[in-house]
């Protein structure tokens, strides 16, 4: 079904938003409203609807190369949430009630701005340490530090298997081949990947504490093994690493 032209009455999908978003309702969709705003402000953007059928009227995006920016309308307050991505890594986000600011943030990001410039020009956005590390190209050591700090926190140590996870992380970090890989958590498993950005590698061994100082290992072929002690678990992981288990 074609989207309504500007000036038409809002359809059922936007009727609940009409009070908070009269500009969007009149445009017929967030995509149309953002495109019109971008055109008025001289931004060279081609705004696309969200690919999910349920969000086509209230979400929109722009994509060029490995960069994308997404906008979503809140339901109960006038707020456009903008998120900026490089590949599958979220680099910044924030909310504004100003449609022009949302369109401007999309344009700034898609024009190639680095994070510092993006936040200076669009102060409603914010970022975080790991996103900045991805931009610098040193996300792997930051991921290691963050995981180790979290595992050593009182809250984590108080949890079941918390001390065992800390021991596993420390033993893995002390091993150069594993320290060069990106660590991660998947439920109870400690995972390793050649790259810090998603998707993580699925062909490298992983380990999980199971109590009483023991660890369960899972290998790429589905084989399971149990070891006693973090050092033994790390030794088994390293021995099972393929030759190409190097940072991508």
C-alpha atoms as a PDB file:
ATOM      1  CA  UNK A   1       0.000   0.000   0.000  1.00  0.00           C
ATOM      2  CA  UNK A   2       1.487   3.428  -0.921  1.00  0.00           C
ATOM      3  CA  UNK A   3       2.114   5.844   1.928  1.00  0.00           C
ATOM      4  CA  UNK A   4      -0.348   8.703   2.308  1.00  0.00           C
ATOM      5  CA  UNK A   5       0.702  11.999   0.792  1.00  0.00           C
ATOM      6  CA  UNK A   6       1.409  14.971   3.073  1.00  0.00           C
ATOM      7  CA  UNK A   7      -1.796  16.668   4.110  1.00  0.00           C
ATOM      8  CA  UNK A   8      -3.913  13.530   4.286  1.00  0.00           C
ATOM      9  CA  UNK A   9      -5.588  12.426   7.496  1.00  0.00           C
ATOM     10  CA  UNK A  10      -3.585   9.975   9.591  1.00  0.00           C
ATOM     11  CA  UNK A  11      -4.371   6.322   8.998  1.00  0.00           C
ATOM     12  CA  UNK A  12      -5.140   3.881  11.800  1.00  0.00           C
ATOM     13  CA  UNK A  13      -1.448   3.052  12.328  1.00  0.00           C
ATOM     14  CA  UNK A  14      -0.710   6.686  13.246  1.00  0.00           C
ATOM     15  CA  UNK A  15      -3.991   7.744  14.807  1.00  0.00           C
ATOM     16  CA  UNK A  16      -2.710   7.076  18.345  1.00  0.00           C
ATOM     17  CA  UNK A  17       0.331   9.262  17.614  1.00  0.00           C
ATOM     18  CA  UNK A  18      -1.515  12.201  16.075  1.00  0.00           C
ATOM     19  CA  UNK A  19      -1.699  14.328  19.236  1.00  0.00           C
ATOM     20  CA  UNK A  20       2.011  14.061  20.047  1.00  0.00           C
ATOM     21  CA  UNK A  21       3.225  13.927  16.451  1.00  0.00           C
ATOM     22  CA  UNK A  22       0.887  16.011  14.273  1.00  0.00           C
ATOM     23  CA  UNK A  23       3.736  16.641  11.796  1.00  0.00           C
ATOM     24  CA  UNK A  24       4.401  12.925  11.366  1.00  0.00           C
ATOM     25  CA  UNK A  25       0.715  12.042  11.218  1.00  0.00           C
ATOM     26  CA  UNK A  26       0.127  14.602   8.488  1.00  0.00           C
ATOM     27  CA  UNK A  27       3.127  13.318   6.519  1.00  0.00           C
ATOM     28  CA  UNK A  28       1.759   9.780   6.713  1.00  0.00           C
ATOM     29  CA  UNK A  29       4.826   8.146   8.263  1.00  0.00           C
ATOM     30  CA  UNK A  30       8.013   8.962  10.093  1.00  0.00           C
ATOM     31  CA  UNK A  31       9.937   8.208   6.921  1.00  0.00           C
ATOM     32  CA  UNK A  32       7.995  10.817   4.967  1.00  0.00           C
ATOM     33  CA  UNK A  33       8.281  13.392   7.752  1.00  0.00           C
ATOM     34  CA  UNK A  34      12.035  12.892   8.096  1.00  0.00           C
ATOM     35  CA  UNK A  35      12.559  13.001   4.329  1.00  0.00           C
ATOM     36  CA  UNK A  36      10.628  16.256   4.060  1.00  0.00           C
ATOM     37  CA  UNK A  37      12.576  17.745   6.974  1.00  0.00           C
ATOM     38  CA  UNK A  38      15.898  16.602   5.501  1.00  0.00           C
ATOM     39  CA  UNK A  39      14.993  18.125   2.143  1.00  0.00           C
ATOM     40  CA  UNK A  40      14.028  21.435   3.766  1.00  0.00           C
ATOM     41  CA  UNK A  41      17.302  21.564   5.678  1.00  0.00           C
ATOM     42  CA  UNK A  42      19.460  20.647   2.701  1.00  0.00           C
ATOM     43  CA  UNK A  43      20.549  17.235   3.967  1.00  0.00           C
ATOM     44  CA  UNK A  44      21.426  14.714   1.292  1.00  0.00           C
ATOM     45  CA  UNK A  45      19.589  11.814   2.822  1.00  0.00           C
ATOM     46  CA  UNK A  46      17.456   9.067   1.362  1.00  0.00           C
ATOM     47  CA  UNK A  47      15.277   7.972   4.263  1.00  0.00           C
ATOM     48  CA  UNK A  48      13.886   4.448   4.173  1.00  0.00           C
ATOM     49  CA  UNK A  49      11.056   2.907   6.199  1.00  0.00           C
ATOM     50  CA  UNK A  50      11.889   0.318   8.798  1.00  0.00           C
ATOM     51  CA  UNK A  51      11.785  -3.138   7.238  1.00  0.00           C
ATOM     52  CA  UNK A  52       9.510  -4.575   9.936  1.00  0.00           C
ATOM     53  CA  UNK A  53       5.848  -4.267   8.865  1.00  0.00           C
ATOM     54  CA  UNK A  54       4.734  -3.255  12.344  1.00  0.00           C
ATOM     55  CA  UNK A  55       7.180  -0.350  12.490  1.00  0.00           C
ATOM     56  CA  UNK A  56       6.929   1.040   8.961  1.00  0.00           C
ATOM     57  CA  UNK A  57       4.960   4.142  10.000  1.00  0.00           C
ATOM     58  CA  UNK A  58       6.808   4.936  13.247  1.00  0.00           C
ATOM     59  CA  UNK A  59      10.441   4.012  12.477  1.00  0.00           C
ATOM     60  CA  UNK A  60      12.847   4.965   9.719  1.00  0.00           C
ATOM     61  CA  UNK A  61      16.495   4.590   8.776  1.00  0.00           C
ATOM     62  CA  UNK A  62      19.276   5.706   6.470  1.00  0.00           C
ATOM     63  CA  UNK A  63      22.070   3.421   5.322  1.00  0.00           C
ATOM     64  CA  UNK A  64      25.240   4.072   3.341  1.00  0.00           C
ATOM     65  CA  UNK A  65      28.214   1.731   3.299  1.00  0.00           C
ATOM     66  CA  UNK A  66      28.750   0.277   6.756  1.00  0.00           C
ATOM     67  CA  UNK A  67      27.051   3.214   8.489  1.00  0.00           C
ATOM     68  CA  UNK A  68      23.400   3.461   9.397  1.00  0.00           C
ATOM     69  CA  UNK A  69      21.182   5.628  11.551  1.00  0.00           C
ATOM     70  CA  UNK A  70      17.777   4.622  12.889  1.00  0.00           C
ATOM     71  CA  UNK A  71      14.939   6.700  14.341  1.00  0.00           C
ATOM     72  CA  UNK A  72      12.009   5.411  16.386  1.00  0.00           C
ATOM     73  CA  UNK A  73       9.024   7.348  17.770  1.00  0.00           C
ATOM     74  CA  UNK A  74       8.074   6.830  21.426  1.00  0.00           C
ATOM     75  CA  UNK A  75       4.454   5.948  22.080  1.00  0.00           C
ATOM     76  CA  UNK A  76       3.535   7.992  25.167  1.00  0.00           C
ATOM     77  CA  UNK A  77       5.690  11.115  24.885  1.00  0.00           C
ATOM     78  CA  UNK A  78       7.007  13.069  21.929  1.00  0.00           C
ATOM     79  CA  UNK A  79      10.480  11.644  21.543  1.00  0.00           C
ATOM     80  CA  UNK A  80      12.520  10.585  18.544  1.00  0.00           C
ATOM     81  CA  UNK A  81      15.162   8.038  19.578  1.00  0.00           C
ATOM     82  CA  UNK A  82      18.159   8.115  17.245  1.00  0.00           C
ATOM     83  CA  UNK A  83      20.775   5.350  17.155  1.00  0.00           C
ATOM     84  CA  UNK A  84      23.937   5.428  15.053  1.00  0.00           C
ATOM     85  CA  UNK A  85      25.680   2.251  13.959  1.00  0.00           C
ATOM     86  CA  UNK A  86      28.838   1.071  12.228  1.00  0.00           C
ATOM     87  CA  UNK A  87      28.074  -2.380  10.929  1.00  0.00           C
ATOM     88  CA  UNK A  88      26.515  -4.227  13.863  1.00  0.00           C
ATOM     89  CA  UNK A  89      28.131  -2.040  16.506  1.00  0.00           C
ATOM     90  CA  UNK A  90      25.974   0.685  18.066  1.00  0.00           C
ATOM     91  CA  UNK A  91      28.117   3.796  18.341  1.00  0.00           C
ATOM     92  CA  UNK A  92      25.779   6.429  19.803  1.00  0.00           C
ATOM     93  CA  UNK A  93      22.165   7.067  20.717  1.00  0.00           C
ATOM     94  CA  UNK A  94      19.873   9.636  22.283  1.00  0.00           C
ATOM     95  CA  UNK A  95      16.397  11.153  22.168  1.00  0.00           C
ATOM     96  CA  UNK A  96      15.002  14.511  21.105  1.00  0.00           C
ATOM     97  CA  UNK A  97      11.521  15.952  20.619  1.00  0.00           C
ATOM     98  CA  UNK A  98      12.745  17.956  17.611  1.00  0.00           C
ATOM     99  CA  UNK A  99      12.265  16.313  14.228  1.00  0.00           C
ATOM    100  CA  UNK A 100      14.860  18.624  12.680  1.00  0.00           C
ATOM    101  CA  UNK A 101      17.442  17.548  15.270  1.00  0.00           C
ATOM    102  CA  UNK A 102      16.732  13.894  14.527  1.00  0.00           C
ATOM    103  CA  UNK A 103      17.186  14.454  10.800  1.00  0.00           C
ATOM    104  CA  UNK A 104      20.317  16.492  11.456  1.00  0.00           C
ATOM    105  CA  UNK A 105      21.856  13.752  13.573  1.00  0.00           C
ATOM    106  CA  UNK A 106      21.231  11.225  10.816  1.00  0.00           C
ATOM    107  CA  UNK A 107      22.890  13.539   8.313  1.00  0.00           C
ATOM    108  CA  UNK A 108      25.913  14.234  10.535  1.00  0.00           C
ATOM    109  CA  UNK A 109      26.530  10.540  11.101  1.00  0.00           C
ATOM    110  CA  UNK A 110      26.024   9.523   7.488  1.00  0.00           C
ATOM    111  CA  UNK A 111      28.358  12.311   6.366  1.00  0.00           C
ATOM    112  CA  UNK A 112      31.197  10.430   8.096  1.00  0.00           C
ATOM    113  CA  UNK A 113      31.590  12.363  11.345  1.00  0.00           C
ATOM    114  CA  UNK A 114      33.658  10.792  14.075  1.00  0.00           C
ATOM    115  CA  UNK A 115      32.070  10.392  17.474  1.00  0.00           C
ATOM    116  CA  UNK A 116      33.570  13.541  18.993  1.00  0.00           C
ATOM    117  CA  UNK A 117      32.233  15.672  16.132  1.00  0.00           C
ATOM    118  CA  UNK A 118      28.855  13.927  16.190  1.00  0.00           C
ATOM    119  CA  UNK A 119      28.345  14.611  19.894  1.00  0.00           C
ATOM    120  CA  UNK A 120      29.592  18.186  19.615  1.00  0.00           C
ATOM    121  CA  UNK A 121      27.131  18.955  16.826  1.00  0.00           C
ATOM    122  CA  UNK A 122      24.248  16.864  18.208  1.00  0.00           C
ATOM    123  CA  UNK A 123      24.567  17.085  22.013  1.00  0.00           C
ATOM    124  CA  UNK A 124      21.388  15.107  22.681  1.00  0.00           C
ATOM    125  CA  UNK A 125      23.358  12.022  21.618  1.00  0.00           C
ATOM    126  CA  UNK A 126      25.770  10.161  23.861  1.00  0.00           C
ATOM    127  CA  UNK A 127      28.300   7.356  23.422  1.00  0.00           C
ATOM    128  CA  UNK A 128      30.249   4.972  25.671  1.00  0.00           C
ATOM    129  CA  UNK A 129      33.737   3.604  26.150  1.00  0.00           C
ATOM    130  CA  UNK A 130      33.433   0.485  24.030  1.00  0.00           C
ATOM    131  CA  UNK A 131      32.017   2.407  21.069  1.00  0.00           C
ATOM    132  CA  UNK A 132      34.941   4.825  21.267  1.00  0.00           C
ATOM    133  CA  UNK A 133      37.302   1.835  21.407  1.00  0.00           C
ATOM    134  CA  UNK A 134      35.714   0.387  18.257  1.00  0.00           C
ATOM    135  CA  UNK A 135      36.294   3.703  16.520  1.00  0.00           C
ATOM    136  CA  UNK A 136      39.966   3.700  17.598  1.00  0.00           C
ATOM    137  CA  UNK A 137      40.401   0.057  16.638  1.00  0.00           C
ATOM    138  CA  UNK A 138      41.339  -1.211  20.122  1.00  0.00           C
ATOM    139  CA  UNK A 139      38.071  -2.767  21.262  1.00  0.00           C
ATOM    140  CA  UNK A 140      39.601  -6.126  22.229  1.00  0.00           C
ATOM    141  CA  UNK A 141      41.738  -4.873  25.164  1.00  0.00           C
ATOM    142  CA  UNK A 142      38.825  -2.734  26.360  1.00  0.00           C
ATOM    143  CA  UNK A 143      36.505  -5.748  26.307  1.00  0.00           C
ATOM    144  CA  UNK A 144      39.048  -7.726  28.335  1.00  0.00           C
ATOM    145  CA  UNK A 145      39.365  -4.969  30.922  1.00  0.00           C
ATOM    146  CA  UNK A 146      35.621  -4.475  31.249  1.00  0.00           C
ATOM    147  CA  UNK A 147      34.934  -8.202  31.641  1.00  0.00           C
ATOM    148  CA  UNK A 148      37.724  -8.616  34.209  1.00  0.00           C
ATOM    149  CA  UNK A 149      36.541  -5.600  36.202  1.00  0.00           C
ATOM    150  CA  UNK A 150      32.972  -6.876  36.193  1.00  0.00           C
ATOM    151  CA  UNK A 151      34.023 -10.384  37.235  1.00  0.00           C
ATOM    152  CA  UNK A 152      36.071  -8.933  40.118  1.00  0.00           C
ATOM    153  CA  UNK A 153      33.231  -6.754  41.409  1.00  0.00           C
ATOM    154  CA  UNK A 154      31.605  -7.611  44.721  1.00  0.00           C
ATOM    155  CA  UNK A 155      28.244  -8.129  43.052  1.00  0.00           C
ATOM    156  CA  UNK A 156      29.655 -10.618  40.570  1.00  0.00           C
ATOM    157  CA  UNK A 157      31.692 -12.474  43.173  1.00  0.00           C
ATOM    158  CA  UNK A 158      28.580 -12.864  45.315  1.00  0.00           C
ATOM    159  CA  UNK A 159      26.811 -14.768  42.561  1.00  0.00           C
ATOM    160  CA  UNK A 160      26.921 -18.489  42.033  1.00  0.00           C
ATOM    161  CA  UNK A 161      30.142 -19.401  40.204  1.00  0.00           C
ATOM    162  CA  UNK A 162      31.282 -15.754  40.402  1.00  0.00           C
ATOM    163  CA  UNK A 163      34.747 -16.534  41.850  1.00  0.00           C
ATOM    164  CA  UNK A 164      35.229 -19.378  39.363  1.00  0.00           C
ATOM    165  CA  UNK A 165      34.400 -17.079  36.458  1.00  0.00           C
ATOM    166  CA  UNK A 166      36.922 -14.542  37.766  1.00  0.00           C
ATOM    167  CA  UNK A 167      39.595 -17.261  37.964  1.00  0.00           C
ATOM    168  CA  UNK A 168      38.799 -18.389  34.423  1.00  0.00           C
ATOM    169  CA  UNK A 169      39.021 -14.852  33.047  1.00  0.00           C
ATOM    170  CA  UNK A 170      42.327 -14.194  34.782  1.00  0.00           C
ATOM    171  CA  UNK A 171      43.822 -17.474  33.579  1.00  0.00           C
ATOM    172  CA  UNK A 172      42.628 -16.803  30.013  1.00  0.00           C
ATOM    173  CA  UNK A 173      43.934 -13.223  30.031  1.00  0.00           C
ATOM    174  CA  UNK A 174      47.354 -14.478  31.105  1.00  0.00           C
ATOM    175  CA  UNK A 175      47.540 -16.656  27.985  1.00  0.00           C
ATOM    176  CA  UNK A 176      48.808 -14.559  25.016  1.00  0.00           C
ATOM    177  CA  UNK A 177      46.873 -16.462  22.344  1.00  0.00           C
ATOM    178  CA  UNK A 178      43.590 -15.934  24.174  1.00  0.00           C
ATOM    179  CA  UNK A 179      44.382 -12.364  25.206  1.00  0.00           C
ATOM    180  CA  UNK A 180      44.695 -11.502  21.496  1.00  0.00           C
ATOM    181  CA  UNK A 181      41.119 -12.671  20.908  1.00  0.00           C
ATOM    182  CA  UNK A 182      37.938 -10.834  21.861  1.00  0.00           C
ATOM    183  CA  UNK A 183      36.275 -12.233  24.991  1.00  0.00           C
ATOM    184  CA  UNK A 184      32.535 -12.296  25.533  1.00  0.00           C
ATOM    185  CA  UNK A 185      29.741 -13.778  27.635  1.00  0.00           C
ATOM    186  CA  UNK A 186      26.940 -15.963  26.316  1.00  0.00           C
ATOM    187  CA  UNK A 187      24.710 -16.952  29.234  1.00  0.00           C
ATOM    188  CA  UNK A 188      27.217 -18.784  31.470  1.00  0.00           C
ATOM    189  CA  UNK A 189      29.833 -19.356  28.771  1.00  0.00           C
ATOM    190  CA  UNK A 190      33.059 -17.397  28.308  1.00  0.00           C
ATOM    191  CA  UNK A 191      33.498 -17.100  24.545  1.00  0.00           C
ATOM    192  CA  UNK A 192      36.338 -16.055  22.262  1.00  0.00           C
ATOM    193  CA  UNK A 193      36.159 -14.431  18.847  1.00  0.00           C
ATOM    194  CA  UNK A 194      38.607 -13.270  16.216  1.00  0.00           C
ATOM    195  CA  UNK A 195      36.798  -9.924  16.092  1.00  0.00           C
ATOM    196  CA  UNK A 196      35.267  -7.639  18.688  1.00  0.00           C
ATOM    197  CA  UNK A 197      32.358  -6.640  16.464  1.00  0.00           C
ATOM    198  CA  UNK A 198      29.405  -8.990  15.946  1.00  0.00           C
ATOM    199  CA  UNK A 199      28.869 -11.611  14.769  1.00  0.00           C
ATOM    200  CA  UNK A 200      31.223 -13.507  17.073  1.00  0.00           C
ATOM    201  CA  UNK A 201      33.070 -16.572  15.805  1.00  0.00           C
ATOM    202  CA  UNK A 202      31.318 -19.850  16.514  1.00  0.00           C
ATOM    203  CA  UNK A 203      34.225 -22.180  15.780  1.00  0.00           C
ATOM    204  CA  UNK A 204      36.373 -21.406  18.831  1.00  0.00           C
ATOM    205  CA  UNK A 205      36.195 -23.263  22.164  1.00  0.00           C
ATOM    206  CA  UNK A 206      34.235 -21.817  25.066  1.00  0.00           C
ATOM    207  CA  UNK A 207      34.118 -22.554  28.783  1.00  0.00           C
ATOM    208  CA  UNK A 208      31.677 -22.223  31.677  1.00  0.00           C
ATOM    209  CA  UNK A 209      32.096 -22.754  35.439  1.00  0.00           C
ATOM    210  CA  UNK A 210      29.923 -25.558  36.806  1.00  0.00           C
ATOM    211  CA  UNK A 211      30.843 -25.512  40.498  1.00  0.00           C
ATOM    212  CA  UNK A 212      33.437 -26.993  42.846  1.00  0.00           C
ATOM    213  CA  UNK A 213      36.247 -25.461  40.808  1.00  0.00           C
ATOM    214  CA  UNK A 214      35.284 -27.364  37.665  1.00  0.00           C
ATOM    215  CA  UNK A 215      34.644 -26.090  34.142  1.00  0.00           C
ATOM    216  CA  UNK A 216      32.753 -27.404  31.145  1.00  0.00           C
ATOM    217  CA  UNK A 217      34.305 -26.830  27.728  1.00  0.00           C
ATOM    218  CA  UNK A 218      32.459 -26.882  24.426  1.00  0.00           C
ATOM    219  CA  UNK A 219      34.366 -27.300  21.171  1.00  0.00           C
ATOM    220  CA  UNK A 220      33.423 -26.456  17.582  1.00  0.00           C
ATOM    221  CA  UNK A 221      32.424 -30.040  16.812  1.00  0.00           C
ATOM    222  CA  UNK A 222      29.968 -30.056  19.738  1.00  0.00           C
ATOM    223  CA  UNK A 223      32.213 -32.158  21.957  1.00  0.00           C
ATOM    224  CA  UNK A 224      32.029 -31.434  25.701  1.00  0.00           C
ATOM    225  CA  UNK A 225      34.812 -31.844  28.224  1.00  0.00           C
ATOM    226  CA  UNK A 226      35.106 -31.144  31.927  1.00  0.00           C
ATOM    227  CA  UNK A 227      38.274 -30.013  33.680  1.00  0.00           C
ATOM    228  CA  UNK A 228      39.307 -29.304  37.251  1.00  0.00           C
ATOM    229  CA  UNK A 229      40.663 -25.767  37.718  1.00  0.00           C
ATOM    230  CA  UNK A 230      40.830 -22.684  35.544  1.00  0.00           C
ATOM    231  CA  UNK A 231      44.395 -23.361  34.429  1.00  0.00           C
ATOM    232  CA  UNK A 232      43.465 -26.779  33.049  1.00  0.00           C
ATOM    233  CA  UNK A 233      40.449 -25.287  31.264  1.00  0.00           C
ATOM    234  CA  UNK A 234      42.585 -22.630  29.590  1.00  0.00           C
ATOM    235  CA  UNK A 235      45.211 -25.187  28.562  1.00  0.00           C
ATOM    236  CA  UNK A 236      42.528 -27.322  26.899  1.00  0.00           C
ATOM    237  CA  UNK A 237      41.091 -24.283  25.102  1.00  0.00           C
ATOM    238  CA  UNK A 238      44.481 -23.205  23.752  1.00  0.00           C
ATOM    239  CA  UNK A 239      45.307 -26.731  22.570  1.00  0.00           C
ATOM    240  CA  UNK A 240      42.024 -26.816  20.633  1.00  0.00           C
ATOM    241  CA  UNK A 241      42.424 -23.434  18.938  1.00  0.00           C
ATOM    242  CA  UNK A 242      42.667 -23.673  15.139  1.00  0.00           C
ATOM    243  CA  UNK A 243      45.776 -22.245  13.493  1.00  0.00           C
ATOM    244  CA  UNK A 244      43.768 -19.330  12.091  1.00  0.00           C
ATOM    245  CA  UNK A 245      42.482 -18.232  15.524  1.00  0.00           C
ATOM    246  CA  UNK A 246      44.007 -14.780  15.132  1.00  0.00           C
ATOM    247  CA  UNK A 247      42.472 -11.287  15.447  1.00  0.00           C
ATOM    248  CA  UNK A 248      40.646 -10.413  12.248  1.00  0.00           C
END
